[in-house]
Amino acid sequence: PEIDESAVMQLAEMGFPLEACRKAVYYTGNLGAELAFNWIIAHMEEPDFAEPLSPTGYNDVSHNEVGLAGGASSMENQPPEEIVAIITSMGFPRNQAIHALKAT
């Protein structure tokens, strides 16, 4: 997926490492600098915080689990990406957020 470079730059201008900013924007679904900032605050103590983004390590979730490879039918039962991003910005793994949202 594309990464919103303007949001990345907004965060980088605040003094955060560029790679951490890219990860924050990516993992919050390109939903803006504010949500990405919350992700940064929640994850800045992690040892790989400023490591380059590795899409294969997308919170250890396979593409099928999040409906990216399953076509429209599997996307229909997915929770709204904005809600998933809010929960993941709180530090919860993406697969747990999706599972919890589906259960409610």
PDB file of N, CA and C in Angstrom:
ATOM      1  N   PRO A   1       0.824  -1.204   0.000  1.00  0.00           N
ATOM      2  CA  PRO A   1       0.000   0.000   0.000  1.00  0.00           C
ATOM      3  C   PRO A   1       0.863   1.260   0.000  1.00  0.00           C
ATOM      4  N   GLU A   2       0.301   2.297  -0.549  1.00  0.00           N
ATOM      5  CA  GLU A   2       0.983   3.592  -0.571  1.00  0.00           C
ATOM      6  C   GLU A   2       1.059   4.147   0.852  1.00  0.00           C
ATOM      7  N   ILE A   3       2.078   4.950   1.093  1.00  0.00           N
ATOM      8  CA  ILE A   3       2.225   5.608   2.391  1.00  0.00           C
ATOM      9  C   ILE A   3       2.081   7.100   2.170  1.00  0.00           C
ATOM     10  N   ASP A   4       1.249   7.752   2.965  1.00  0.00           N
ATOM     11  CA  ASP A   4       1.013   9.189   2.859  1.00  0.00           C
ATOM     12  C   ASP A   4       2.269   9.932   3.318  1.00  0.00           C
ATOM     13  N   GLU A   5       3.077  10.351   2.356  1.00  0.00           N
ATOM     14  CA  GLU A   5       4.355  10.983   2.674  1.00  0.00           C
ATOM     15  C   GLU A   5       4.188  12.324   3.383  1.00  0.00           C
ATOM     16  N   SER A   6       3.069  13.021   3.156  1.00  0.00           N
ATOM     17  CA  SER A   6       2.875  14.300   3.849  1.00  0.00           C
ATOM     18  C   SER A   6       2.688  14.070   5.351  1.00  0.00           C
ATOM     19  N   ALA A   7       1.977  13.001   5.717  1.00  0.00           N
ATOM     20  CA  ALA A   7       1.821  12.665   7.136  1.00  0.00           C
ATOM     21  C   ALA A   7       3.163  12.236   7.723  1.00  0.00           C
ATOM     22  N   VAL A   8       3.942  11.480   6.941  1.00  0.00           N
ATOM     23  CA  VAL A   8       5.270  11.053   7.388  1.00  0.00           C
ATOM     24  C   VAL A   8       6.130  12.282   7.686  1.00  0.00           C
ATOM     25  N   MET A   9       6.103  13.245   6.783  1.00  0.00           N
ATOM     26  CA  MET A   9       6.932  14.439   6.964  1.00  0.00           C
ATOM     27  C   MET A   9       6.468  15.280   8.159  1.00  0.00           C
ATOM     28  N   GLN A  10       5.157  15.345   8.383  1.00  0.00           N
ATOM     29  CA  GLN A  10       4.646  16.075   9.548  1.00  0.00           C
ATOM     30  C   GLN A  10       5.235  15.491  10.829  1.00  0.00           C
ATOM     31  N   LEU A  11       5.259  14.186  10.913  1.00  0.00           N
ATOM     32  CA  LEU A  11       5.783  13.520  12.106  1.00  0.00           C
ATOM     33  C   LEU A  11       7.296  13.668  12.196  1.00  0.00           C
ATOM     34  N   ALA A  12       7.986  13.550  11.057  1.00  0.00           N
ATOM     35  CA  ALA A  12       9.440  13.677  11.051  1.00  0.00           C
ATOM     36  C   ALA A  12       9.858  15.081  11.487  1.00  0.00           C
ATOM     37  N   GLU A  13       9.073  16.082  11.115  1.00  0.00           N
ATOM     38  CA  GLU A  13       9.370  17.458  11.526  1.00  0.00           C
ATOM     39  C   GLU A  13       9.244  17.641  13.034  1.00  0.00           C
ATOM     40  N   MET A  14       8.526  16.737  13.692  1.00  0.00           N
ATOM     41  CA  MET A  14       8.404  16.791  15.156  1.00  0.00           C
ATOM     42  C   MET A  14       9.624  16.164  15.825  1.00  0.00           C
ATOM     43  N   GLY A  15      10.520  15.587  15.019  1.00  0.00           N
ATOM     44  CA  GLY A  15      11.746  15.029  15.569  1.00  0.00           C
ATOM     45  C   GLY A  15      11.777  13.517  15.701  1.00  0.00           C
ATOM     46  N   PHE A  16      10.751  12.839  15.223  1.00  0.00           N
ATOM     47  CA  PHE A  16      10.733  11.386  15.291  1.00  0.00           C
ATOM     48  C   PHE A  16      11.554  10.808  14.139  1.00  0.00           C
ATOM     49  N   PRO A  17      12.157   9.631  14.323  1.00  0.00           N
ATOM     50  CA  PRO A  17      12.931   9.009  13.241  1.00  0.00           C
ATOM     51  C   PRO A  17      12.048   8.755  12.014  1.00  0.00           C
ATOM     52  N   LEU A  18      12.608   9.001  10.840  1.00  0.00           N
ATOM     53  CA  LEU A  18      11.843   8.881   9.594  1.00  0.00           C
ATOM     54  C   LEU A  18      11.231   7.496   9.430  1.00  0.00           C
ATOM     55  N   GLU A  19      12.002   6.443   9.693  1.00  0.00           N
ATOM     56  CA  GLU A  19      11.460   5.090   9.528  1.00  0.00           C
ATOM     57  C   GLU A  19      10.321   4.819  10.501  1.00  0.00           C
ATOM     58  N   ALA A  20      10.416   5.347  11.703  1.00  0.00           N
ATOM     59  CA  ALA A  20       9.327   5.182  12.669  1.00  0.00           C
ATOM     60  C   ALA A  20       8.076   5.905  12.177  1.00  0.00           C
ATOM     61  N   CYS A  21       8.261   7.052  11.571  1.00  0.00           N
ATOM     62  CA  CYS A  21       7.128   7.810  11.035  1.00  0.00           C
ATOM     63  C   CYS A  21       6.457   7.041   9.901  1.00  0.00           C
ATOM     64  N   ARG A  22       7.262   6.451   9.035  1.00  0.00           N
ATOM     65  CA  ARG A  22       6.716   5.664   7.921  1.00  0.00           C
ATOM     66  C   ARG A  22       5.918   4.466   8.458  1.00  0.00           C
ATOM     67  N   LYS A  23       6.469   3.786   9.465  1.00  0.00           N
ATOM     68  CA  LYS A  23       5.765   2.651  10.060  1.00  0.00           C
ATOM     69  C   LYS A  23       4.456   3.096  10.696  1.00  0.00           C
ATOM     70  N   ALA A  24       4.486   4.210  11.389  1.00  0.00           N
ATOM     71  CA  ALA A  24       3.285   4.702  12.065  1.00  0.00           C
ATOM     72  C   ALA A  24       2.171   5.002  11.063  1.00  0.00           C
ATOM     73  N   VAL A  25       2.515   5.664   9.978  1.00  0.00           N
ATOM     74  CA  VAL A  25       1.516   5.983   8.954  1.00  0.00           C
ATOM     75  C   VAL A  25       1.006   4.697   8.301  1.00  0.00           C
ATOM     76  N   TYR A  26       1.904   3.778   8.018  1.00  0.00           N
ATOM     77  CA  TYR A  26       1.540   2.501   7.398  1.00  0.00           C
ATOM     78  C   TYR A  26       0.608   1.691   8.295  1.00  0.00           C
ATOM     79  N   TYR A  27       0.998   1.512   9.552  1.00  0.00           N
ATOM     80  CA  TYR A  27       0.232   0.660  10.457  1.00  0.00           C
ATOM     81  C   TYR A  27      -1.094   1.280  10.892  1.00  0.00           C
ATOM     82  N   THR A  28      -1.267   2.576  10.693  1.00  0.00           N
ATOM     83  CA  THR A  28      -2.559   3.196  11.007  1.00  0.00           C
ATOM     84  C   THR A  28      -3.388   3.411   9.751  1.00  0.00           C
ATOM     85  N   GLY A  29      -2.975   2.797   8.655  1.00  0.00           N
ATOM     86  CA  GLY A  29      -3.787   2.799   7.444  1.00  0.00           C
ATOM     87  C   GLY A  29      -3.874   4.124   6.715  1.00  0.00           C
ATOM     88  N   ASN A  30      -2.834   4.961   6.800  1.00  0.00           N
ATOM     89  CA  ASN A  30      -2.832   6.258   6.108  1.00  0.00           C
ATOM     90  C   ASN A  30      -4.009   7.134   6.524  1.00  0.00           C
ATOM     91  N   LEU A  31      -4.396   7.054   7.784  1.00  0.00           N
ATOM     92  CA  LEU A  31      -5.549   7.826   8.244  1.00  0.00           C
ATOM     93  C   LEU A  31      -5.170   9.156   8.888  1.00  0.00           C
ATOM     94  N   GLY A  32      -3.940   9.596   8.668  1.00  0.00           N
ATOM     95  CA  GLY A  32      -3.556  10.931   9.109  1.00  0.00           C
ATOM     96  C   GLY A  32      -2.474  10.938  10.166  1.00  0.00           C
ATOM     97  N   ALA A  33      -1.876  12.119  10.293  1.00  0.00           N
ATOM     98  CA  ALA A  33      -0.744  12.300  11.200  1.00  0.00           C
ATOM     99  C   ALA A  33      -1.143  12.136  12.669  1.00  0.00           C
ATOM    100  N   GLU A  34      -2.351  12.537  13.023  1.00  0.00           N
ATOM    101  CA  GLU A  34      -2.757  12.448  14.429  1.00  0.00           C
ATOM    102  C   GLU A  34      -2.819  10.994  14.904  1.00  0.00           C
ATOM    103  N   LEU A  35      -3.435  10.145  14.122  1.00  0.00           N
ATOM    104  CA  LEU A  35      -3.514   8.731  14.473  1.00  0.00           C
ATOM    105  C   LEU A  35      -2.120   8.100  14.472  1.00  0.00           C
ATOM    106  N   ALA A  36      -1.302   8.480  13.488  1.00  0.00           N
ATOM    107  CA  ALA A  36       0.064   7.965  13.418  1.00  0.00           C
ATOM    108  C   ALA A  36       0.880   8.446  14.617  1.00  0.00           C
ATOM    109  N   PHE A  37       0.662   9.679  15.055  1.00  0.00           N
ATOM    110  CA  PHE A  37       1.342  10.199  16.239  1.00  0.00           C
ATOM    111  C   PHE A  37       0.998   9.348  17.453  1.00  0.00           C
ATOM    112  N   ASN A  38      -0.270   8.985  17.598  1.00  0.00           N
ATOM    113  CA  ASN A  38      -0.692   8.131  18.716  1.00  0.00           C
ATOM    114  C   ASN A  38       0.010   6.779  18.659  1.00  0.00           C
ATOM    115  N   TRP A  39       0.175   6.241  17.428  1.00  0.00           N
ATOM    116  CA  TRP A  39       0.887   4.970  17.262  1.00  0.00           C
ATOM    117  C   TRP A  39       2.339   5.122  17.710  1.00  0.00           C
ATOM    118  N   ILE A  40       2.964   6.225  17.326  1.00  0.00           N
ATOM    119  CA  ILE A  40       4.358   6.475  17.715  1.00  0.00           C
ATOM    120  C   ILE A  40       4.488   6.497  19.238  1.00  0.00           C
ATOM    121  N   ILE A  41       3.620   7.215  19.891  1.00  0.00           N
ATOM    122  CA  ILE A  41       3.669   7.316  21.356  1.00  0.00           C
ATOM    123  C   ILE A  41       3.507   5.933  21.989  1.00  0.00           C
ATOM    124  N   ALA A  42       2.621   5.120  21.424  1.00  0.00           N
ATOM    125  CA  ALA A  42       2.367   3.787  21.985  1.00  0.00           C
ATOM    126  C   ALA A  42       3.499   2.801  21.720  1.00  0.00           C
ATOM    127  N   HIS A  43       4.321   3.044  20.685  1.00  0.00           N
ATOM    128  CA  HIS A  43       5.323   2.064  20.274  1.00  0.00           C
ATOM    129  C   HIS A  43       6.765   2.539  20.389  1.00  0.00           C
ATOM    130  N   MET A  44       7.002   3.737  20.869  1.00  0.00           N
ATOM    131  CA  MET A  44       8.358   4.290  20.827  1.00  0.00           C
ATOM    132  C   MET A  44       9.349   3.575  21.735  1.00  0.00           C
ATOM    133  N   GLU A  45       8.896   2.779  22.670  1.00  0.00           N
ATOM    134  CA  GLU A  45       9.809   2.035  23.539  1.00  0.00           C
ATOM    135  C   GLU A  45      10.198   0.673  22.970  1.00  0.00           C
ATOM    136  N   GLU A  46       9.586   0.282  21.864  1.00  0.00           N
ATOM    137  CA  GLU A  46       9.878  -1.019  21.270  1.00  0.00           C
ATOM    138  C   GLU A  46      11.272  -1.015  20.645  1.00  0.00           C
ATOM    139  N   PRO A  47      11.982  -2.136  20.733  1.00  0.00           N
ATOM    140  CA  PRO A  47      13.361  -2.177  20.230  1.00  0.00           C
ATOM    141  C   PRO A  47      13.483  -1.936  18.727  1.00  0.00           C
ATOM    142  N   ASP A  48      12.455  -2.290  17.962  1.00  0.00           N
ATOM    143  CA  ASP A  48      12.525  -2.095  16.510  1.00  0.00           C
ATOM    144  C   ASP A  48      11.798  -0.831  16.043  1.00  0.00           C
ATOM    145  N   PHE A  49      11.569   0.082  16.968  1.00  0.00           N
ATOM    146  CA  PHE A  49      10.801   1.303  16.686  1.00  0.00           C
ATOM    147  C   PHE A  49      11.299   2.055  15.458  1.00  0.00           C
ATOM    148  N   ALA A  50      12.597   2.263  15.342  1.00  0.00           N
ATOM    149  CA  ALA A  50      13.152   3.055  14.243  1.00  0.00           C
ATOM    150  C   ALA A  50      13.733   2.195  13.125  1.00  0.00           C
ATOM    151  N   GLU A  51      13.472   0.882  13.168  1.00  0.00           N
ATOM    152  CA  GLU A  51      13.934   0.003  12.105  1.00  0.00           C
ATOM    153  C   GLU A  51      13.095   0.231  10.850  1.00  0.00           C
ATOM    154  N   PRO A  52      13.642  -0.038   9.679  1.00  0.00           N
ATOM    155  CA  PRO A  52      12.873   0.136   8.441  1.00  0.00           C
ATOM    156  C   PRO A  52      11.607  -0.715   8.431  1.00  0.00           C
ATOM    157  N   LEU A  53      10.598  -0.196   7.770  1.00  0.00           N
ATOM    158  CA  LEU A  53       9.317  -0.875   7.644  1.00  0.00           C
ATOM    159  C   LEU A  53       9.482  -2.195   6.909  1.00  0.00           C
ATOM    160  N   SER A  54       8.887  -3.235   7.454  1.00  0.00           N
ATOM    161  CA  SER A  54       8.912  -4.543   6.818  1.00  0.00           C
ATOM    162  C   SER A  54       7.474  -5.017   6.658  1.00  0.00           C
ATOM    163  N   PRO A  55       6.864  -4.783   5.499  1.00  0.00           N
ATOM    164  CA  PRO A  55       5.453  -5.147   5.321  1.00  0.00           C
ATOM    165  C   PRO A  55       5.153  -6.614   5.595  1.00  0.00           C
ATOM    166  N   THR A  56       6.149  -7.494   5.463  1.00  0.00           N
ATOM    167  CA  THR A  56       5.888  -8.896   5.759  1.00  0.00           C
ATOM    168  C   THR A  56       5.652  -9.104   7.248  1.00  0.00           C
ATOM    169  N   GLY A  57       6.117  -8.186   8.087  1.00  0.00           N
ATOM    170  CA  GLY A  57       5.898  -8.300   9.518  1.00  0.00           C
ATOM    171  C   GLY A  57       4.720  -7.483   9.981  1.00  0.00           C
ATOM    172  N   TYR A  58       3.724  -7.361   9.160  1.00  0.00           N
ATOM    173  CA  TYR A  58       2.556  -6.529   9.450  1.00  0.00           C
ATOM    174  C   TYR A  58       1.831  -7.058  10.681  1.00  0.00           C
ATOM    175  N   ASN A  59       2.402  -6.806  11.847  1.00  0.00           N
ATOM    176  CA  ASN A  59       1.871  -7.301  13.120  1.00  0.00           C
ATOM    177  C   ASN A  59       1.625  -8.802  13.088  1.00  0.00           C
ATOM    178  N   ASP A  60       2.478  -9.523  12.340  1.00  0.00           N
ATOM    179  CA  ASP A  60       2.411 -10.974  12.253  1.00  0.00           C
ATOM    180  C   ASP A  60       1.048 -11.489  11.807  1.00  0.00           C
ATOM    181  N   VAL A  61       0.421 -10.791  10.873  1.00  0.00           N
ATOM    182  CA  VAL A  61      -0.880 -11.196  10.354  1.00  0.00           C
ATOM    183  C   VAL A  61      -0.700 -11.547   8.888  1.00  0.00           C
ATOM    184  N   SER A  62      -1.231 -12.678   8.486  1.00  0.00           N
ATOM    185  CA  SER A  62      -1.177 -13.006   7.065  1.00  0.00           C
ATOM    186  C   SER A  62      -2.208 -12.162   6.331  1.00  0.00           C
ATOM    187  N   HIS A  63      -1.998 -11.976   5.032  1.00  0.00           N
ATOM    188  CA  HIS A  63      -2.934 -11.165   4.260  1.00  0.00           C
ATOM    189  C   HIS A  63      -4.329 -11.760   4.276  1.00  0.00           C
ATOM    190  N   ASN A  64      -4.453 -13.071   4.321  1.00  0.00           N
ATOM    191  CA  ASN A  64      -5.776 -13.679   4.337  1.00  0.00           C
ATOM    192  C   ASN A  64      -6.554 -13.318   5.591  1.00  0.00           C
ATOM    193  N   GLU A  65      -5.872 -13.197   6.717  1.00  0.00           N
ATOM    194  CA  GLU A  65      -6.565 -12.884   7.957  1.00  0.00           C
ATOM    195  C   GLU A  65      -7.199 -11.507   7.923  1.00  0.00           C
ATOM    196  N   VAL A  66      -6.595 -10.567   7.215  1.00  0.00           N
ATOM    197  CA  VAL A  66      -7.150  -9.228   7.161  1.00  0.00           C
ATOM    198  C   VAL A  66      -7.949  -8.988   5.893  1.00  0.00           C
ATOM    199  N   GLY A  67      -8.144 -10.037   5.095  1.00  0.00           N
ATOM    200  CA  GLY A  67      -9.007  -9.932   3.940  1.00  0.00           C
ATOM    201  C   GLY A  67      -8.360  -9.275   2.742  1.00  0.00           C
ATOM    202  N   LEU A  68      -7.049  -9.129   2.699  1.00  0.00           N
ATOM    203  CA  LEU A  68      -6.422  -8.444   1.586  1.00  0.00           C
ATOM    204  C   LEU A  68      -6.323  -9.321   0.353  1.00  0.00           C
ATOM    205  N   ALA A  69      -6.323 -10.636   0.519  1.00  0.00           N
ATOM    206  CA  ALA A  69      -6.163 -11.520  -0.623  1.00  0.00           C
ATOM    207  C   ALA A  69      -7.458 -12.265  -0.942  1.00  0.00           C
ATOM    208  N   GLY A  70      -8.496 -12.054  -0.189  1.00  0.00           N
ATOM    209  CA  GLY A  70      -9.689 -12.864  -0.331  1.00  0.00           C
ATOM    210  C   GLY A  70     -10.759 -12.308  -1.237  1.00  0.00           C
ATOM    211  N   GLY A  71     -10.572 -11.138  -1.804  1.00  0.00           N
ATOM    212  CA  GLY A  71     -11.583 -10.567  -2.682  1.00  0.00           C
ATOM    213  C   GLY A  71     -12.683  -9.866  -1.909  1.00  0.00           C
ATOM    214  N   ALA A  72     -13.687  -9.415  -2.629  1.00  0.00           N
ATOM    215  CA  ALA A  72     -14.729  -8.578  -2.032  1.00  0.00           C
ATOM    216  C   ALA A  72     -15.533  -9.313  -0.968  1.00  0.00           C
ATOM    217  N   SER A  73     -15.780 -10.614  -1.140  1.00  0.00           N
ATOM    218  CA  SER A  73     -16.626 -11.314  -0.179  1.00  0.00           C
ATOM    219  C   SER A  73     -16.006 -11.312   1.217  1.00  0.00           C
ATOM    220  N   SER A  74     -14.680 -11.476   1.316  1.00  0.00           N
ATOM    221  CA  SER A  74     -14.082 -11.472   2.645  1.00  0.00           C
ATOM    222  C   SER A  74     -13.937 -10.050   3.186  1.00  0.00           C
ATOM    223  N   MET A  75     -13.912  -9.062   2.303  1.00  0.00           N
ATOM    224  CA  MET A  75     -13.816  -7.672   2.760  1.00  0.00           C
ATOM    225  C   MET A  75     -15.137  -7.200   3.358  1.00  0.00           C
ATOM    226  N   GLU A  76     -16.249  -7.802   2.945  1.00  0.00           N
ATOM    227  CA  GLU A  76     -17.550  -7.364   3.415  1.00  0.00           C
ATOM    228  C   GLU A  76     -17.696  -7.548   4.921  1.00  0.00           C
ATOM    229  N   ASN A  77     -17.073  -8.567   5.492  1.00  0.00           N
ATOM    230  CA  ASN A  77     -17.228  -8.810   6.917  1.00  0.00           C
ATOM    231  C   ASN A  77     -16.081  -8.208   7.731  1.00  0.00           C
ATOM    232  N   GLN A  78     -15.251  -7.381   7.111  1.00  0.00           N
ATOM    233  CA  GLN A  78     -14.144  -6.741   7.821  1.00  0.00           C
ATOM    234  C   GLN A  78     -14.646  -5.501   8.555  1.00  0.00           C
ATOM    235  N   PRO A  79     -14.139  -5.266   9.756  1.00  0.00           N
ATOM    236  CA  PRO A  79     -14.507  -4.039  10.465  1.00  0.00           C
ATOM    237  C   PRO A  79     -13.929  -2.824   9.737  1.00  0.00           C
ATOM    238  N   PRO A  80     -14.485  -1.642   9.953  1.00  0.00           N
ATOM    239  CA  PRO A  80     -13.975  -0.435   9.295  1.00  0.00           C
ATOM    240  C   PRO A  80     -12.497  -0.210   9.628  1.00  0.00           C
ATOM    241  N   GLU A  81     -11.713   0.102   8.605  1.00  0.00           N
ATOM    242  CA  GLU A  81     -10.270   0.281   8.779  1.00  0.00           C
ATOM    243  C   GLU A  81      -9.959   1.390   9.788  1.00  0.00           C
ATOM    244  N   GLU A  82     -10.783   2.420   9.824  1.00  0.00           N
ATOM    245  CA  GLU A  82     -10.542   3.518  10.766  1.00  0.00           C
ATOM    246  C   GLU A  82     -10.589   3.011  12.209  1.00  0.00           C
ATOM    247  N   ILE A  83     -11.543   2.148  12.503  1.00  0.00           N
ATOM    248  CA  ILE A  83     -11.679   1.598  13.856  1.00  0.00           C
ATOM    249  C   ILE A  83     -10.503   0.674  14.171  1.00  0.00           C
ATOM    250  N   VAL A  84     -10.116  -0.161  13.210  1.00  0.00           N
ATOM    251  CA  VAL A  84      -8.955  -1.040  13.399  1.00  0.00           C
ATOM    252  C   VAL A  84      -7.712  -0.193  13.688  1.00  0.00           C
ATOM    253  N   ALA A  85      -7.534   0.889  12.932  1.00  0.00           N
ATOM    254  CA  ALA A  85      -6.371   1.757  13.118  1.00  0.00           C
ATOM    255  C   ALA A  85      -6.360   2.402  14.499  1.00  0.00           C
ATOM    256  N   ILE A  86      -7.517   2.794  14.985  1.00  0.00           N
ATOM    257  CA  ILE A  86      -7.586   3.398  16.320  1.00  0.00           C
ATOM    258  C   ILE A  86      -7.148   2.384  17.375  1.00  0.00           C
ATOM    259  N   ILE A  87      -7.633   1.164  17.253  1.00  0.00           N
ATOM    260  CA  ILE A  87      -7.286   0.132  18.237  1.00  0.00           C
ATOM    261  C   ILE A  87      -5.806  -0.234  18.140  1.00  0.00           C
ATOM    262  N   THR A  88      -5.279  -0.367  16.913  1.00  0.00           N
ATOM    263  CA  THR A  88      -3.856  -0.698  16.782  1.00  0.00           C
ATOM    264  C   THR A  88      -2.980   0.451  17.254  1.00  0.00           C
ATOM    265  N   SER A  89      -3.475   1.685  17.150  1.00  0.00           N
ATOM    266  CA  SER A  89      -2.681   2.817  17.638  1.00  0.00           C
ATOM    267  C   SER A  89      -2.568   2.788  19.162  1.00  0.00           C
ATOM    268  N   MET A  90      -3.443   2.033  19.813  1.00  0.00           N
ATOM    269  CA  MET A  90      -3.370   1.868  21.263  1.00  0.00           C
ATOM    270  C   MET A  90      -2.384   0.780  21.668  1.00  0.00           C
ATOM    271  N   GLY A  91      -1.820   0.104  20.655  1.00  0.00           N
ATOM    272  CA  GLY A  91      -0.806  -0.904  20.942  1.00  0.00           C
ATOM    273  C   GLY A  91      -1.254  -2.342  20.777  1.00  0.00           C
ATOM    274  N   PHE A  92      -2.512  -2.554  20.407  1.00  0.00           N
ATOM    275  CA  PHE A  92      -2.988  -3.913  20.210  1.00  0.00           C
ATOM    276  C   PHE A  92      -2.558  -4.421  18.838  1.00  0.00           C
ATOM    277  N   PRO A  93      -2.207  -5.698  18.727  1.00  0.00           N
ATOM    278  CA  PRO A  93      -1.875  -6.260  17.414  1.00  0.00           C
ATOM    279  C   PRO A  93      -3.090  -6.205  16.483  1.00  0.00           C
ATOM    280  N   ARG A  94      -2.823  -5.997  15.203  1.00  0.00           N
ATOM    281  CA  ARG A  94      -3.890  -5.851  14.221  1.00  0.00           C
ATOM    282  C   ARG A  94      -4.823  -7.060  14.194  1.00  0.00           C
ATOM    283  N   ASN A  95      -4.259  -8.270  14.239  1.00  0.00           N
ATOM    284  CA  ASN A  95      -5.121  -9.453  14.163  1.00  0.00           C
ATOM    285  C   ASN A  95      -6.049  -9.542  15.374  1.00  0.00           C
ATOM    286  N   GLN A  96      -5.588  -9.150  16.553  1.00  0.00           N
ATOM    287  CA  GLN A  96      -6.442  -9.160  17.744  1.00  0.00           C
ATOM    288  C   GLN A  96      -7.537  -8.106  17.630  1.00  0.00           C
ATOM    289  N   ALA A  97      -7.195  -6.936  17.103  1.00  0.00           N
ATOM    290  CA  ALA A  97      -8.188  -5.877  16.942  1.00  0.00           C
ATOM    291  C   ALA A  97      -9.302  -6.324  16.001  1.00  0.00           C
ATOM    292  N   ILE A  98      -8.926  -6.924  14.883  1.00  0.00           N
ATOM    293  CA  ILE A  98      -9.915  -7.383  13.909  1.00  0.00           C
ATOM    294  C   ILE A  98     -10.775  -8.490  14.506  1.00  0.00           C
ATOM    295  N   HIS A  99     -10.146  -9.430  15.188  1.00  0.00           N
ATOM    296  CA  HIS A  99     -10.881 -10.528  15.805  1.00  0.00           C
ATOM    297  C   HIS A  99     -11.887  -9.993  16.835  1.00  0.00           C
ATOM    298  N   ALA A 100     -11.437  -9.068  17.660  1.00  0.00           N
ATOM    299  CA  ALA A 100     -12.328  -8.501  18.682  1.00  0.00           C
ATOM    300  C   ALA A 100     -13.485  -7.732  18.060  1.00  0.00           C
ATOM    301  N   LEU A 101     -13.209  -6.966  17.024  1.00  0.00           N
ATOM    302  CA  LEU A 101     -14.258  -6.201  16.371  1.00  0.00           C
ATOM    303  C   LEU A 101     -15.278  -7.108  15.690  1.00  0.00           C
ATOM    304  N   LYS A 102     -14.805  -8.205  15.130  1.00  0.00           N
ATOM    305  CA  LYS A 102     -15.727  -9.148  14.498  1.00  0.00           C
ATOM    306  C   LYS A 102     -16.613  -9.834  15.548  1.00  0.00           C
ATOM    307  N   ALA A 103     -16.065 -10.003  16.742  1.00  0.00           N
ATOM    308  CA  ALA A 103     -16.805 -10.703  17.805  1.00  0.00           C
ATOM    309  C   ALA A 103     -17.855  -9.815  18.475  1.00  0.00           C
ATOM    310  N   THR A 104     -17.775  -8.512  18.218  1.00  0.00           N
ATOM    311  CA  THR A 104     -18.718  -7.603  18.882  1.00  0.00           C
ATOM    312  C   THR A 104     -19.773  -7.099  17.941  1.00  0.00           C
TER     313      THR A 104
END
